[in-house]
Protein backbone atom coordinates (compact mmCIF):
# COMPACT_ATOMS: atom_id res chain seq x y z
CA MET A 1 118.65 118.22 90.51
CA SER A 2 115.40 119.42 88.69
CA ARG A 3 113.12 116.60 88.78
CA SER A 4 110.41 118.57 86.56
CA ALA A 5 110.58 121.14 84.15
CA GLY A 6 110.81 124.59 85.52
CA GLU A 7 112.19 123.60 88.79
CA SER A 8 115.30 125.73 90.10
CA GLY A 9 117.89 123.56 88.94
CA ASP A 10 116.89 124.27 85.28
CA ALA A 11 117.75 128.25 86.21
CA MET A 12 121.12 127.27 88.13
CA LEU A 13 122.37 125.18 85.15
CA TYR A 14 121.97 128.05 82.83
CA GLN A 15 123.36 130.65 85.38
CA PHE A 16 126.55 128.12 86.17
CA ARG A 17 127.19 127.75 81.86
CA LEU A 18 126.91 131.23 81.38
CA ALA A 19 128.98 131.96 84.44
CA ASN A 20 131.82 129.72 83.18
CA GLY A 21 132.07 130.27 79.93
CA LEU A 22 130.69 127.20 78.72
CA ASP A 23 127.41 128.44 77.22
CA GLY A 24 128.09 127.43 73.74
CA LYS A 25 126.87 124.56 71.33
CA SER A 26 130.22 123.04 72.09
CA PHE A 27 129.89 122.37 75.09
CA SER A 28 126.04 121.09 75.33
CA GLY A 29 127.22 117.21 75.81
CA LEU A 30 128.65 118.21 78.80
CA PHE A 31 124.96 118.86 80.72
CA VAL A 32 122.70 116.18 80.63
CA SER A 33 118.94 116.68 82.75
CA LEU A 34 118.15 113.85 85.06
CA SER A 35 116.27 112.13 82.28
CA ASP A 36 119.07 111.45 80.20
CA LEU A 37 120.77 110.25 83.03
CA PHE A 38 117.97 107.54 82.48
CA ARG A 39 118.82 106.64 79.32
CA LEU A 40 122.66 106.12 80.01
CA PRO A 41 122.40 102.36 81.47
CA MET A 42 120.69 101.34 78.47
CA LEU A 43 123.89 102.39 76.24
CA PRO A 44 126.01 99.18 75.55
CA GLU A 45 128.70 98.42 77.93
CA ASP A 46 131.85 99.57 75.38
CA ASP A 47 129.73 103.40 74.71
CA PRO A 48 132.11 106.20 75.65
CA ASN A 49 129.03 107.94 76.88
CA ARG A 50 128.33 105.10 79.11
CA LEU A 51 129.01 106.74 82.67
CA GLY A 52 131.31 104.14 84.92
CA PRO A 53 133.89 104.00 88.02
CA ASP A 54 136.15 107.01 86.40
CA ASP A 55 133.64 109.25 85.78
CA VAL A 56 132.66 112.46 87.88
CA VAL A 57 128.66 113.92 87.87
CA VAL A 58 128.37 116.87 89.07
CA LEU A 59 124.78 117.94 90.14
CA LEU A 60 123.39 121.76 90.29
CA ASP A 61 120.83 123.47 92.93
CA ASP A 62 120.73 126.21 94.62
CA PHE A 63 119.73 125.38 97.91
CA SER A 64 119.03 122.60 100.49
CA GLY A 65 117.56 123.39 103.72
CA THR A 66 116.97 120.25 105.36
CA GLY A 67 118.17 117.98 102.56
CA LYS A 68 115.25 116.20 102.43
CA GLN A 69 114.50 117.16 98.52
CA VAL A 70 118.06 115.89 97.69
CA CYS A 71 117.58 112.71 99.32
CA ASP A 72 114.55 111.68 98.50
CA ALA A 73 115.62 111.82 95.04
CA TRP A 74 118.90 109.98 95.51
CA ASN A 75 117.19 107.25 97.27
CA ASP A 76 113.12 106.78 96.43
CA PRO A 77 112.40 103.77 94.66
CA ALA A 78 109.58 105.17 92.45
CA THR A 79 112.32 108.09 91.11
CA SER A 80 115.38 107.29 92.36
CA PHE A 81 118.24 108.14 90.43
CA GLY A 82 120.81 107.25 93.19
CA PRO A 83 121.18 103.38 91.30
CA LEU A 84 121.71 105.10 87.94
CA LEU A 85 124.85 106.63 89.28
CA ALA A 86 125.94 103.83 91.55
CA GLY A 87 129.08 102.58 89.22
CA VAL A 88 130.10 106.25 89.19
CA GLY A 89 133.61 107.58 90.35
CA LYS A 90 132.04 110.64 92.17
CA VAL A 91 128.86 112.60 92.39
CA TYR A 92 129.39 116.12 93.88
CA LEU A 93 125.96 118.50 94.47
CA ILE A 94 127.15 121.96 93.74
CA LEU A 95 124.64 124.75 95.49
CA VAL A 96 124.64 128.10 96.37
CA ALA A 97 123.92 127.87 99.56
CA ALA A 98 123.02 125.18 101.91
CA SER A 99 122.02 124.23 105.98
CA ARG A 100 124.61 122.82 107.70
CA ALA A 101 122.14 120.18 108.36
CA ALA A 102 121.27 119.57 104.98
CA ARG A 103 124.82 119.17 104.23
CA GLU A 104 125.31 116.34 106.85
CA ARG A 105 122.07 114.70 106.35
CA ILE A 106 123.22 114.29 102.26
CA SER A 107 126.53 113.11 103.13
CA ILE A 108 125.46 110.51 105.09
CA GLU A 109 121.75 109.58 103.46
CA THR A 110 123.60 109.50 99.88
CA SER A 111 126.49 108.99 98.05
CA ILE A 112 126.76 112.35 96.93
CA SER A 113 129.36 115.08 98.28
CA PRO A 114 127.52 118.15 98.49
CA MET A 115 129.23 121.44 98.26
CA PRO A 116 127.81 124.46 99.34
CA ALA A 117 129.46 128.11 98.69
CA HIS A 118 127.68 129.52 101.64
CA GLU A 119 126.82 127.08 104.67
CA LEU A 120 123.97 128.54 107.12
CA ARG A 121 124.01 127.77 110.65
CA ASP A 122 121.79 128.02 112.98
CA SER A 123 122.38 131.76 113.81
CA ASP A 124 121.00 132.10 110.54
CA ASN A 125 117.22 130.59 111.69
CA VAL A 126 115.95 133.98 112.81
CA PHE A 127 113.80 132.00 115.63
CA SER A 128 117.08 130.36 116.85
CA ASN A 129 118.12 131.10 120.05
CA GLN A 130 121.68 131.99 118.69
CA CYS A 131 120.21 134.40 115.76
CA GLY A 132 121.29 138.05 117.54
CA HIS A 133 119.65 139.98 114.75
CA PHE A 134 115.70 140.06 116.23
CA THR A 135 114.60 140.92 119.41
CA ASP A 136 112.79 137.90 121.23
CA ALA A 137 109.48 140.44 120.56
CA ASP A 138 110.72 140.51 117.00
CA LYS A 139 110.84 136.52 116.80
CA ALA A 140 107.16 136.44 118.35
CA ARG A 141 105.97 138.92 115.87
CA LEU A 142 107.46 137.28 112.85
CA LEU A 143 105.88 134.04 114.30
CA HIS A 144 102.70 135.38 114.35
CA TYR A 145 102.26 136.90 110.90
CA GLY A 146 104.41 133.93 109.65
CA ARG A 147 101.27 131.60 111.11
CA ILE A 148 98.81 133.94 108.92
CA ALA A 149 101.17 133.37 105.95
CA GLY A 150 102.33 129.89 106.25
CA GLY A 151 99.82 128.34 108.42
CA ALA A 152 101.42 125.15 109.78
CA LYS A 153 104.63 126.33 108.64
CA PRO A 154 105.28 129.26 110.00
CA LYS A 155 109.32 128.86 110.13
CA GLY A 156 109.33 127.64 106.54
CA PHE A 157 109.75 124.20 105.46
CA GLY A 158 111.64 122.28 108.34
CA ASP A 159 111.30 125.10 110.72
CA CYS A 160 114.34 126.56 108.93
CA GLY A 161 113.81 130.06 109.62
CA PHE A 162 115.90 131.46 106.99
CA VAL A 163 115.53 134.83 104.96
CA VAL A 164 116.98 133.55 102.17
CA VAL A 165 115.70 134.82 98.53
CA PHE A 166 116.96 134.41 95.16
CA GLN A 167 116.45 135.91 91.75
CA HIS A 168 114.46 133.57 90.51
CA ARG A 169 112.42 132.63 93.97
CA PRO A 170 112.87 132.09 97.75
CA PRO A 171 113.12 128.69 98.97
CA ASN A 172 110.15 127.19 100.88
CA ASN A 173 112.56 127.12 103.94
CA SER A 174 112.76 130.77 104.19
CA ILE A 175 109.85 132.10 106.50
CA PRO A 176 106.68 132.49 104.63
CA ILE A 177 105.87 135.46 105.01
CA LEU A 178 108.53 136.61 102.14
CA TRP A 179 106.85 133.67 99.54
CA ALA A 180 103.45 132.99 100.98
CA ASP A 181 100.36 134.06 98.04
CA HIS A 182 96.84 133.15 99.20
CA SER A 183 94.03 135.20 100.07
CA LYS A 184 94.90 136.24 104.04
CA TRP A 185 98.65 137.19 102.79
CA ALA A 186 100.64 138.20 99.67
CA GLY A 187 104.55 137.80 100.10
CA LEU A 188 107.13 140.06 97.83
CA PHE A 189 108.45 137.30 96.79
CA PRO A 190 105.51 134.52 95.65
CA ARG A 191 106.95 130.85 95.25
CA HIS A 192 103.17 130.32 93.20
CA ASP A 193 103.95 126.86 94.45
């Protein structure tokens, strides 16, 4: 799902290949970047590398909190790759984790079948009434510091309020006290956006 070099999808692809014993050069042809997808429709119709209705494409990413990034990548007229895969039999998106809302949005707004290993629910949003891990006083304190760290998005992007951190960095849907990095705040896991 990386739309540019260095995004988290790149890190996930590398880890996926290692974990599944597919990191050898003999498997490199099975893995293409998003830019490679733009070249595939230009192949002659009889080229065996051209994607068709019998093919399956598997996209990889670490996290989807709202589904916005995936839906934008699929549907944005300027950079859309949805039409490139319109003739493909099935498109899956493997995610380490996703919110239920993101999974549902992706399923509705795209032809992608999201497959998160872990699904986060409302109870995983630290500011939600369903979250029993923090008291109301804790939530108020987190929101106070979130305003310092995250400004207009004190609960993280999409008000998700997650406390998710990956080895490579936390998603912006996590609370900004974890990842914000500016003159008024230094998170433990800076994103360096």
